[in-house]
Amino acid sequence: MTENRHKMKNIIILLFTLLATSVYGQDKYNYVQFNKLTEIKGTTMLSQQLKMLEKCLLQIAKYLLFLNTSSGQTKQVDFPKDAISKN
């Protein structure tokens, strides 16, 4: 009797593990990675490099974001996926 319980316990643990990993694998969100804000001297602007990444950390998009600190407006400049930038 205890041997059957032990087998059932192992099967239940396996099923819950498979369920948890399959649910975690359904994550469809993209991730944003960015570096520190850089002040543009002589202006009220800040710039920041952002990268959009997929679930497998494959880069989807890369762009610079310029922020006007006095008005709060932003301007986005897109780059191709294969663009090289110095961090």
N, C-alpha and C. Protein backbone atom coordinates (compact mmCIF):
# COMPACT_ATOMS: atom_id res chain seq x y z
N MET A 1 0.81 -1.20 0.00
CA MET A 1 0.00 0.00 0.00
C MET A 1 0.85 1.27 0.00
N THR A 2 1.91 1.26 0.81
CA THR A 2 2.75 2.46 0.87
C THR A 2 3.52 2.66 -0.44
N GLU A 3 3.80 1.56 -1.14
CA GLU A 3 4.51 1.68 -2.42
C GLU A 3 3.63 2.40 -3.45
N ASN A 4 2.32 2.09 -3.47
CA ASN A 4 1.39 2.77 -4.37
C ASN A 4 1.29 4.25 -4.03
N ARG A 5 1.27 4.57 -2.75
CA ARG A 5 1.20 5.98 -2.32
C ARG A 5 2.46 6.73 -2.76
N HIS A 6 3.60 6.07 -2.65
CA HIS A 6 4.87 6.69 -3.04
C HIS A 6 4.88 6.97 -4.55
N LYS A 7 4.36 6.03 -5.35
CA LYS A 7 4.29 6.22 -6.80
C LYS A 7 3.33 7.36 -7.14
N MET A 8 2.19 7.39 -6.49
CA MET A 8 1.21 8.46 -6.73
C MET A 8 1.78 9.82 -6.36
N LYS A 9 2.51 9.85 -5.24
CA LYS A 9 3.12 11.11 -4.80
C LYS A 9 4.12 11.60 -5.84
N ASN A 10 4.93 10.71 -6.38
CA ASN A 10 5.90 11.09 -7.41
C ASN A 10 5.21 11.56 -8.69
N ILE A 11 4.11 10.90 -9.06
CA ILE A 11 3.36 11.31 -10.26
C ILE A 11 2.75 12.68 -10.06
N ILE A 12 2.18 12.94 -8.89
CA ILE A 12 1.58 14.25 -8.60
C ILE A 12 2.65 15.34 -8.63
N ILE A 13 3.80 15.08 -8.04
CA ILE A 13 4.90 16.07 -8.06
C ILE A 13 5.33 16.34 -9.49
N LEU A 14 5.44 15.31 -10.31
CA LEU A 14 5.81 15.47 -11.72
C LEU A 14 4.78 16.29 -12.47
N LEU A 15 3.50 16.01 -12.25
CA LEU A 15 2.43 16.76 -12.92
C LEU A 15 2.45 18.24 -12.54
N PHE A 16 2.60 18.53 -11.25
CA PHE A 16 2.65 19.93 -10.83
C PHE A 16 3.89 20.64 -11.38
N THR A 17 5.00 19.93 -11.45
CA THR A 17 6.21 20.53 -12.02
C THR A 17 6.01 20.84 -13.50
N LEU A 18 5.43 19.91 -14.25
CA LEU A 18 5.16 20.15 -15.66
C LEU A 18 4.17 21.30 -15.85
N LEU A 19 3.16 21.36 -15.01
CA LEU A 19 2.19 22.45 -15.09
C LEU A 19 2.86 23.80 -14.83
N ALA A 20 3.67 23.86 -13.79
CA ALA A 20 4.33 25.12 -13.44
C ALA A 20 5.28 25.58 -14.55
N THR A 21 6.04 24.66 -15.14
CA THR A 21 6.97 25.06 -16.20
C THR A 21 6.24 25.45 -17.47
N SER A 22 5.12 24.80 -17.77
CA SER A 22 4.39 25.18 -18.98
C SER A 22 3.72 26.54 -18.81
N VAL A 23 3.23 26.84 -17.63
CA VAL A 23 2.61 28.15 -17.38
C VAL A 23 3.67 29.24 -17.42
N TYR A 24 4.84 28.99 -16.84
CA TYR A 24 5.92 29.98 -16.86
C TYR A 24 6.38 30.23 -18.29
N GLY A 25 6.38 29.22 -19.14
CA GLY A 25 6.81 29.35 -20.52
C GLY A 25 5.86 30.17 -21.36
N GLN A 26 4.68 30.50 -20.85
CA GLN A 26 3.71 31.28 -21.60
C GLN A 26 3.94 32.78 -21.50
N ASP A 27 4.97 33.21 -20.81
CA ASP A 27 5.28 34.63 -20.65
C ASP A 27 5.47 35.27 -22.02
N LYS A 28 4.62 36.22 -22.36
CA LYS A 28 4.65 36.84 -23.69
C LYS A 28 5.17 38.27 -23.66
N TYR A 29 5.64 38.73 -22.53
CA TYR A 29 6.01 40.12 -22.41
C TYR A 29 7.39 40.39 -23.02
N ASN A 30 7.57 41.60 -23.47
CA ASN A 30 8.86 42.06 -23.92
C ASN A 30 9.51 42.82 -22.77
N TYR A 31 10.80 42.86 -22.76
CA TYR A 31 11.53 43.49 -21.68
C TYR A 31 12.29 44.70 -22.21
N VAL A 32 12.42 45.72 -21.40
CA VAL A 32 13.13 46.93 -21.77
C VAL A 32 14.39 47.00 -20.92
N GLN A 33 15.52 47.18 -21.60
CA GLN A 33 16.79 47.32 -20.92
C GLN A 33 17.32 48.71 -21.25
N PHE A 34 17.77 49.46 -20.24
CA PHE A 34 18.23 50.81 -20.50
C PHE A 34 19.48 51.11 -19.68
N ASN A 35 20.24 52.08 -20.18
CA ASN A 35 21.43 52.50 -19.44
C ASN A 35 21.10 53.78 -18.67
N LYS A 36 22.08 54.33 -18.02
CA LYS A 36 21.83 55.52 -17.18
C LYS A 36 21.51 56.74 -18.03
N LEU A 37 20.84 57.68 -17.42
CA LEU A 37 20.54 58.95 -18.07
C LEU A 37 21.83 59.74 -18.27
N THR A 38 21.97 60.36 -19.43
CA THR A 38 23.15 61.16 -19.75
C THR A 38 22.71 62.59 -20.01
N GLU A 39 23.32 63.51 -19.31
CA GLU A 39 22.99 64.93 -19.48
C GLU A 39 23.66 65.45 -20.74
N ILE A 40 22.92 66.21 -21.53
CA ILE A 40 23.48 66.87 -22.71
C ILE A 40 23.85 68.27 -22.27
N LYS A 41 25.15 68.52 -22.17
CA LYS A 41 25.64 69.79 -21.61
C LYS A 41 25.17 70.99 -22.42
N GLY A 42 24.80 72.04 -21.72
CA GLY A 42 24.36 73.28 -22.34
C GLY A 42 22.89 73.29 -22.72
N THR A 43 22.17 72.21 -22.43
CA THR A 43 20.74 72.15 -22.75
C THR A 43 19.97 71.64 -21.52
N THR A 44 18.66 71.63 -21.66
CA THR A 44 17.82 71.06 -20.60
C THR A 44 17.44 69.63 -20.94
N MET A 45 18.24 68.98 -21.80
CA MET A 45 17.91 67.64 -22.29
C MET A 45 18.73 66.56 -21.61
N LEU A 46 18.11 65.38 -21.48
CA LEU A 46 18.78 64.16 -21.03
C LEU A 46 18.57 63.11 -22.11
N SER A 47 19.53 62.20 -22.27
CA SER A 47 19.34 61.12 -23.23
C SER A 47 19.52 59.78 -22.52
N GLN A 48 18.90 58.76 -23.09
CA GLN A 48 18.96 57.42 -22.52
C GLN A 48 18.82 56.42 -23.66
N GLN A 49 19.69 55.40 -23.67
CA GLN A 49 19.60 54.35 -24.67
C GLN A 49 18.71 53.23 -24.14
N LEU A 50 17.74 52.79 -24.94
CA LEU A 50 16.84 51.72 -24.55
C LEU A 50 16.90 50.59 -25.58
N LYS A 51 16.78 49.36 -25.10
CA LYS A 51 16.72 48.19 -25.96
C LYS A 51 15.48 47.39 -25.59
N MET A 52 14.70 47.00 -26.59
CA MET A 52 13.54 46.14 -26.38
C MET A 52 14.00 44.71 -26.63
N LEU A 53 13.75 43.82 -25.67
CA LEU A 53 14.19 42.44 -25.77
C LEU A 53 12.99 41.51 -25.71
N GLU A 54 13.07 40.41 -26.48
CA GLU A 54 12.04 39.37 -26.41
C GLU A 54 12.29 38.47 -25.22
N LYS A 55 11.41 37.48 -25.07
CA LYS A 55 11.51 36.54 -23.96
C LYS A 55 12.86 35.83 -23.93
N CYS A 56 13.40 35.49 -25.08
CA CYS A 56 14.68 34.78 -25.17
C CYS A 56 15.85 35.76 -25.22
N LEU A 57 15.63 37.00 -24.83
CA LEU A 57 16.63 38.07 -24.81
C LEU A 57 17.18 38.38 -26.19
N LEU A 58 16.39 38.15 -27.23
CA LEU A 58 16.74 38.57 -28.57
C LEU A 58 16.29 40.01 -28.74
N GLN A 59 17.14 40.83 -29.30
CA GLN A 59 16.84 42.26 -29.41
C GLN A 59 15.81 42.49 -30.51
N ILE A 60 14.75 43.22 -30.18
CA ILE A 60 13.71 43.56 -31.15
C ILE A 60 13.96 44.96 -31.71
N ALA A 61 14.29 45.89 -30.82
CA ALA A 61 14.45 47.28 -31.24
C ALA A 61 15.46 47.98 -30.33
N LYS A 62 16.07 49.01 -30.89
CA LYS A 62 17.02 49.82 -30.13
C LYS A 62 16.72 51.28 -30.46
N TYR A 63 16.68 52.11 -29.45
CA TYR A 63 16.44 53.53 -29.72
C TYR A 63 17.01 54.40 -28.62
N LEU A 64 17.19 55.67 -28.97
CA LEU A 64 17.59 56.68 -27.99
C LEU A 64 16.35 57.46 -27.61
N LEU A 65 16.27 57.80 -26.36
CA LEU A 65 15.15 58.58 -25.86
C LEU A 65 15.71 59.89 -25.33
N PHE A 66 15.25 61.00 -25.86
CA PHE A 66 15.66 62.32 -25.40
C PHE A 66 14.54 62.91 -24.55
N LEU A 67 14.90 63.38 -23.36
CA LEU A 67 13.93 63.93 -22.43
C LEU A 67 14.21 65.41 -22.20
N ASN A 68 13.21 66.24 -22.38
CA ASN A 68 13.34 67.66 -22.09
C ASN A 68 12.91 67.85 -20.64
N THR A 69 13.86 68.22 -19.78
CA THR A 69 13.57 68.32 -18.35
C THR A 69 12.68 69.50 -17.99
N SER A 70 12.66 70.53 -18.82
CA SER A 70 11.82 71.69 -18.49
C SER A 70 10.37 71.48 -18.89
N SER A 71 10.12 70.82 -20.03
CA SER A 71 8.74 70.65 -20.48
C SER A 71 8.21 69.23 -20.27
N GLY A 72 9.09 68.26 -20.05
CA GLY A 72 8.67 66.88 -19.86
C GLY A 72 8.41 66.13 -21.16
N GLN A 73 8.67 66.77 -22.30
CA GLN A 73 8.45 66.12 -23.59
C GLN A 73 9.58 65.13 -23.88
N THR A 74 9.24 64.11 -24.66
CA THR A 74 10.22 63.11 -25.05
C THR A 74 10.27 62.99 -26.56
N LYS A 75 11.43 62.59 -27.08
CA LYS A 75 11.61 62.35 -28.50
C LYS A 75 12.36 61.04 -28.64
N GLN A 76 11.80 60.12 -29.42
CA GLN A 76 12.40 58.80 -29.62
C GLN A 76 13.06 58.74 -30.99
N VAL A 77 14.32 58.26 -31.04
CA VAL A 77 15.04 58.07 -32.29
C VAL A 77 15.32 56.58 -32.43
N ASP A 78 14.71 55.95 -33.44
CA ASP A 78 14.85 54.50 -33.64
C ASP A 78 16.10 54.19 -34.45
N PHE A 79 16.69 53.02 -34.18
CA PHE A 79 17.85 52.52 -34.90
C PHE A 79 17.54 51.11 -35.41
N PRO A 80 18.20 50.70 -36.50
CA PRO A 80 18.01 49.30 -36.94
C PRO A 80 18.55 48.30 -35.91
N LYS A 81 18.10 47.05 -36.01
CA LYS A 81 18.52 46.02 -35.06
C LYS A 81 20.02 45.81 -35.05
N ASP A 82 20.67 45.94 -36.20
CA ASP A 82 22.10 45.67 -36.28
C ASP A 82 22.97 46.90 -36.04
N ALA A 83 22.38 47.99 -35.57
CA ALA A 83 23.14 49.22 -35.32
C ALA A 83 24.09 48.99 -34.13
N ILE A 84 25.29 49.55 -34.24
CA ILE A 84 26.28 49.42 -33.17
C ILE A 84 26.35 50.74 -32.43
N SER A 85 26.29 50.66 -31.11
CA SER A 85 26.40 51.88 -30.31
C SER A 85 27.42 51.68 -29.23
N LYS A 86 28.03 52.75 -28.80
CA LYS A 86 29.02 52.71 -27.74
C LYS A 86 28.31 53.03 -26.44
N ASN A 87 28.39 52.12 -25.46
CA ASN A 87 27.69 52.32 -24.18
C ASN A 87 28.44 53.24 -23.30
